[in-house]
Amino acid sequence: MSYETDTVTKLETNLDDLSPEITGAVMAQLFAAGALDVWLTPIQMKKNRPGVMLSVLCEESTVAALTDLIFAETSAFGLRVEKVVRLKLSRRFAQVSTEFGEVTVKLGLKGERVVQVAPEFESCRAVAEKSGVPLRAVYAAAIAARR
């Protein structure tokens, strides 16, 4: 198959009574506490209330800390916990030369074949600021340079 695999934990809860400012702050706190990924999905809850589903992917070693954080910082009364197996491309970083400067890109590989190319945001931002061009132009140049 040539894909890497791992098993992580997904924590989820539905929230219908929390300010968007707080959910944004909680996302930042979760990342700072070791979450691998955090996302919010708009949902329709009971009594026709709009809400969000807070989802967090994490390593087993951070489940307790992230659970404590969610209960302390949100209005959640419970969490769904699920083990999730991920199939992943192996990753490698490379430098590419663009007309605007050197940019770091992340390569996603299946075996030795490059399947994905993703310019690194901070590298692109720095090059865009230094060269005075739009960020999206640097992104496009980095992708084109890698192909």
C-alpha atoms as a PDB file:
ATOM      1  CA  MET A   1       0.000   0.000   0.000  1.00  0.00           C
ATOM      2  CA  SER A   2       2.942   2.389   0.657  1.00  0.00           C
ATOM      3  CA  TYR A   3       1.025   4.605   3.044  1.00  0.00           C
ATOM      4  CA  GLU A   4       2.063   5.311   6.595  1.00  0.00           C
ATOM      5  CA  THR A   5      -0.515   4.547   9.289  1.00  0.00           C
ATOM      6  CA  ASP A   6      -1.076   5.512  12.872  1.00  0.00           C
ATOM      7  CA  THR A   7      -3.890   5.443  15.399  1.00  0.00           C
ATOM      8  CA  VAL A   8      -5.062   8.628  17.092  1.00  0.00           C
ATOM      9  CA  THR A   9      -7.984   9.594  19.304  1.00  0.00           C
ATOM     10  CA  LYS A  10     -10.865  11.794  18.188  1.00  0.00           C
ATOM     11  CA  LEU A  11     -12.679  13.818  20.852  1.00  0.00           C
ATOM     12  CA  GLU A  12     -16.001  15.413  19.874  1.00  0.00           C
ATOM     13  CA  THR A  13     -18.726  17.422  21.526  1.00  0.00           C
ATOM     14  CA  ASN A  14     -21.676  19.493  20.333  1.00  0.00           C
ATOM     15  CA  LEU A  15     -21.949  23.068  21.577  1.00  0.00           C
ATOM     16  CA  ASP A  16     -24.977  25.337  21.141  1.00  0.00           C
ATOM     17  CA  ASP A  17     -24.454  27.929  23.841  1.00  0.00           C
ATOM     18  CA  LEU A  18     -20.883  29.128  23.470  1.00  0.00           C
ATOM     19  CA  SER A  19     -19.698  32.431  22.030  1.00  0.00           C
ATOM     20  CA  PRO A  20     -17.716  32.167  18.765  1.00  0.00           C
ATOM     21  CA  GLU A  21     -14.936  34.191  20.382  1.00  0.00           C
ATOM     22  CA  ILE A  22     -14.575  31.493  23.023  1.00  0.00           C
ATOM     23  CA  THR A  23     -14.592  28.630  20.516  1.00  0.00           C
ATOM     24  CA  GLY A  24     -11.790  30.371  18.600  1.00  0.00           C
ATOM     25  CA  ALA A  25      -9.779  30.799  21.784  1.00  0.00           C
ATOM     26  CA  VAL A  26     -10.384  27.155  22.744  1.00  0.00           C
ATOM     27  CA  MET A  27      -9.078  26.024  19.351  1.00  0.00           C
ATOM     28  CA  ALA A  28      -5.833  27.924  19.961  1.00  0.00           C
ATOM     29  CA  GLN A  29      -5.539  26.468  23.474  1.00  0.00           C
ATOM     30  CA  LEU A  30      -6.096  22.929  22.189  1.00  0.00           C
ATOM     31  CA  PHE A  31      -3.341  23.293  19.586  1.00  0.00           C
ATOM     32  CA  ALA A  32      -1.014  24.746  22.214  1.00  0.00           C
ATOM     33  CA  ALA A  33      -1.789  21.768  24.498  1.00  0.00           C
ATOM     34  CA  GLY A  34      -0.817  19.227  21.846  1.00  0.00           C
ATOM     35  CA  ALA A  35      -3.851  18.641  19.610  1.00  0.00           C
ATOM     36  CA  LEU A  36      -2.881  17.333  16.171  1.00  0.00           C
ATOM     37  CA  ASP A  37      -5.920  18.955  14.536  1.00  0.00           C
ATOM     38  CA  VAL A  38      -8.973  20.880  15.692  1.00  0.00           C
ATOM     39  CA  TRP A  39     -12.031  21.853  13.680  1.00  0.00           C
ATOM     40  CA  LEU A  40     -15.540  23.200  14.103  1.00  0.00           C
ATOM     41  CA  THR A  41     -18.477  21.924  12.051  1.00  0.00           C
ATOM     42  CA  PRO A  42     -21.731  23.894  11.911  1.00  0.00           C
ATOM     43  CA  ILE A  43     -24.648  21.705  13.008  1.00  0.00           C
ATOM     44  CA  GLN A  44     -28.353  22.055  13.745  1.00  0.00           C
ATOM     45  CA  MET A  45     -29.146  20.897  17.262  1.00  0.00           C
ATOM     46  CA  LYS A  46     -32.294  20.069  19.235  1.00  0.00           C
ATOM     47  CA  LYS A  47     -34.954  22.755  19.522  1.00  0.00           C
ATOM     48  CA  ASN A  48     -33.694  24.051  16.129  1.00  0.00           C
ATOM     49  CA  ARG A  49     -30.672  25.726  17.701  1.00  0.00           C
ATOM     50  CA  PRO A  50     -27.618  26.320  15.548  1.00  0.00           C
ATOM     51  CA  GLY A  51     -24.453  24.961  17.094  1.00  0.00           C
ATOM     52  CA  VAL A  52     -21.007  23.636  16.332  1.00  0.00           C
ATOM     53  CA  MET A  53     -19.413  20.259  16.719  1.00  0.00           C
ATOM     54  CA  LEU A  54     -15.941  20.641  18.207  1.00  0.00           C
ATOM     55  CA  SER A  55     -13.641  17.871  16.947  1.00  0.00           C
ATOM     56  CA  VAL A  56     -10.109  17.240  18.145  1.00  0.00           C
ATOM     57  CA  LEU A  57      -7.536  14.705  16.927  1.00  0.00           C
ATOM     58  CA  CYS A  58      -4.830  13.875  19.436  1.00  0.00           C
ATOM     59  CA  GLU A  59      -2.291  11.335  20.580  1.00  0.00           C
ATOM     60  CA  GLU A  60      -3.351   9.030  23.421  1.00  0.00           C
ATOM     61  CA  SER A  61      -0.852  10.763  25.710  1.00  0.00           C
ATOM     62  CA  THR A  62      -2.739  14.088  25.470  1.00  0.00           C
ATOM     63  CA  VAL A  63      -6.332  12.811  25.838  1.00  0.00           C
ATOM     64  CA  ALA A  64      -6.603  13.592  29.569  1.00  0.00           C
ATOM     65  CA  ALA A  65      -5.174  17.112  29.303  1.00  0.00           C
ATOM     66  CA  LEU A  66      -7.279  18.002  26.258  1.00  0.00           C
ATOM     67  CA  THR A  67     -10.409  16.568  27.885  1.00  0.00           C
ATOM     68  CA  ASP A  68      -9.770  18.671  31.002  1.00  0.00           C
ATOM     69  CA  LEU A  69      -9.277  21.749  28.820  1.00  0.00           C
ATOM     70  CA  ILE A  70     -12.512  21.181  26.881  1.00  0.00           C
ATOM     71  CA  PHE A  71     -14.539  20.721  30.074  1.00  0.00           C
ATOM     72  CA  ALA A  72     -12.946  23.774  31.713  1.00  0.00           C
ATOM     73  CA  GLU A  73     -13.125  26.149  28.735  1.00  0.00           C
ATOM     74  CA  THR A  74     -16.401  25.198  27.004  1.00  0.00           C
ATOM     75  CA  SER A  75     -19.976  24.457  28.014  1.00  0.00           C
ATOM     76  CA  ALA A  76     -19.574  20.730  27.220  1.00  0.00           C
ATOM     77  CA  PHE A  77     -21.065  18.166  29.571  1.00  0.00           C
ATOM     78  CA  GLY A  78     -19.719  15.156  27.688  1.00  0.00           C
ATOM     79  CA  LEU A  79     -17.332  14.015  24.975  1.00  0.00           C
ATOM     80  CA  ARG A  80     -17.467  11.277  22.399  1.00  0.00           C
ATOM     81  CA  VAL A  81     -14.148   9.405  22.221  1.00  0.00           C
ATOM     82  CA  GLU A  82     -13.165   7.319  19.218  1.00  0.00           C
ATOM     83  CA  LYS A  83      -9.973   5.641  18.045  1.00  0.00           C
ATOM     84  CA  VAL A  84      -9.214   6.552  14.434  1.00  0.00           C
ATOM     85  CA  VAL A  85      -6.720   4.904  12.092  1.00  0.00           C
ATOM     86  CA  ARG A  86      -5.132   7.340   9.664  1.00  0.00           C
ATOM     87  CA  LEU A  87      -3.571   6.569   6.307  1.00  0.00           C
ATOM     88  CA  LYS A  88      -0.911   9.170   5.591  1.00  0.00           C
ATOM     89  CA  LEU A  89       1.510  10.121   2.903  1.00  0.00           C
ATOM     90  CA  SER A  90       5.093  10.203   4.106  1.00  0.00           C
ATOM     91  CA  ARG A  91       6.360  13.778   4.324  1.00  0.00           C
ATOM     92  CA  ARG A  92       9.526  15.515   3.350  1.00  0.00           C
ATOM     93  CA  PHE A  93      10.459  19.182   3.105  1.00  0.00           C
ATOM     94  CA  ALA A  94      12.295  20.761   0.188  1.00  0.00           C
ATOM     95  CA  GLN A  95      13.394  24.206  -0.917  1.00  0.00           C
ATOM     96  CA  VAL A  96      12.260  25.520  -4.294  1.00  0.00           C
ATOM     97  CA  SER A  97      13.513  28.575  -6.146  1.00  0.00           C
ATOM     98  CA  THR A  98      10.867  30.994  -7.347  1.00  0.00           C
ATOM     99  CA  GLU A  99      11.128  34.360  -9.060  1.00  0.00           C
ATOM    100  CA  PHE A 100      10.392  35.859  -5.633  1.00  0.00           C
ATOM    101  CA  GLY A 101      12.908  33.861  -3.595  1.00  0.00           C
ATOM    102  CA  GLU A 102      13.440  30.483  -1.928  1.00  0.00           C
ATOM    103  CA  VAL A 103      10.284  28.834  -0.533  1.00  0.00           C
ATOM    104  CA  THR A 104       9.914  25.746   1.652  1.00  0.00           C
ATOM    105  CA  VAL A 105       7.407  23.188   0.416  1.00  0.00           C
ATOM    106  CA  LYS A 106       6.079  20.036   2.056  1.00  0.00           C
ATOM    107  CA  LEU A 107       6.061  16.988  -0.175  1.00  0.00           C
ATOM    108  CA  GLY A 108       3.581  14.153   0.369  1.00  0.00           C
ATOM    109  CA  LEU A 109       4.958  10.875  -0.943  1.00  0.00           C
ATOM    110  CA  LYS A 110       3.538   7.457  -1.672  1.00  0.00           C
ATOM    111  CA  GLY A 111       6.682   5.393  -1.758  1.00  0.00           C
ATOM    112  CA  GLU A 112       9.048   7.624  -3.724  1.00  0.00           C
ATOM    113  CA  ARG A 113       6.331   9.235  -5.893  1.00  0.00           C
ATOM    114  CA  VAL A 114       5.342  12.811  -5.028  1.00  0.00           C
ATOM    115  CA  VAL A 115       1.548  12.922  -4.682  1.00  0.00           C
ATOM    116  CA  GLN A 116       1.073  16.305  -2.974  1.00  0.00           C
ATOM    117  CA  VAL A 117       3.000  19.562  -2.897  1.00  0.00           C
ATOM    118  CA  ALA A 118       2.045  22.140  -0.262  1.00  0.00           C
ATOM    119  CA  PRO A 119       3.918  25.421   0.164  1.00  0.00           C
ATOM    120  CA  GLU A 120       4.627  26.185   3.814  1.00  0.00           C
ATOM    121  CA  PHE A 121       2.613  29.220   4.899  1.00  0.00           C
ATOM    122  CA  GLU A 122       5.254  30.984   7.001  1.00  0.00           C
ATOM    123  CA  SER A 123       7.879  30.595   4.275  1.00  0.00           C
ATOM    124  CA  CYS A 124       5.492  31.984   1.646  1.00  0.00           C
ATOM    125  CA  ARG A 125       4.430  34.838   3.915  1.00  0.00           C
ATOM    126  CA  ALA A 126       8.014  35.872   4.559  1.00  0.00           C
ATOM    127  CA  VAL A 127       8.875  35.796   0.845  1.00  0.00           C
ATOM    128  CA  ALA A 128       5.704  37.734  -0.042  1.00  0.00           C
ATOM    129  CA  GLU A 129       6.454  40.431   2.540  1.00  0.00           C
ATOM    130  CA  LYS A 130      10.078  40.711   1.474  1.00  0.00           C
ATOM    131  CA  SER A 131       9.304  40.873  -2.250  1.00  0.00           C
ATOM    132  CA  GLY A 132       6.117  42.954  -1.983  1.00  0.00           C
ATOM    133  CA  VAL A 133       3.961  40.544  -3.981  1.00  0.00           C
ATOM    134  CA  PRO A 134       0.653  38.923  -3.050  1.00  0.00           C
ATOM    135  CA  LEU A 135       0.891  35.787  -0.927  1.00  0.00           C
ATOM    136  CA  ARG A 136      -1.134  33.785  -3.454  1.00  0.00           C
ATOM    137  CA  ALA A 137       1.418  34.637  -6.170  1.00  0.00           C
ATOM    138  CA  VAL A 138       4.192  33.148  -4.026  1.00  0.00           C
ATOM    139  CA  TYR A 139       2.061  30.033  -3.372  1.00  0.00           C
ATOM    140  CA  ALA A 140       1.449  29.559  -7.096  1.00  0.00           C
ATOM    141  CA  ALA A 141       5.119  30.095  -7.935  1.00  0.00           C
ATOM    142  CA  ALA A 142       6.201  27.559  -5.305  1.00  0.00           C
ATOM    143  CA  ILE A 143       3.841  24.889  -6.654  1.00  0.00           C
ATOM    144  CA  ALA A 144       4.931  25.568 -10.239  1.00  0.00           C
ATOM    145  CA  ALA A 145       8.607  25.465  -9.258  1.00  0.00           C
ATOM    146  CA  ARG A 146       8.236  22.036  -7.647  1.00  0.00           C
ATOM    147  CA  ARG A 147       6.588  20.505 -10.727  1.00  0.00           C
END
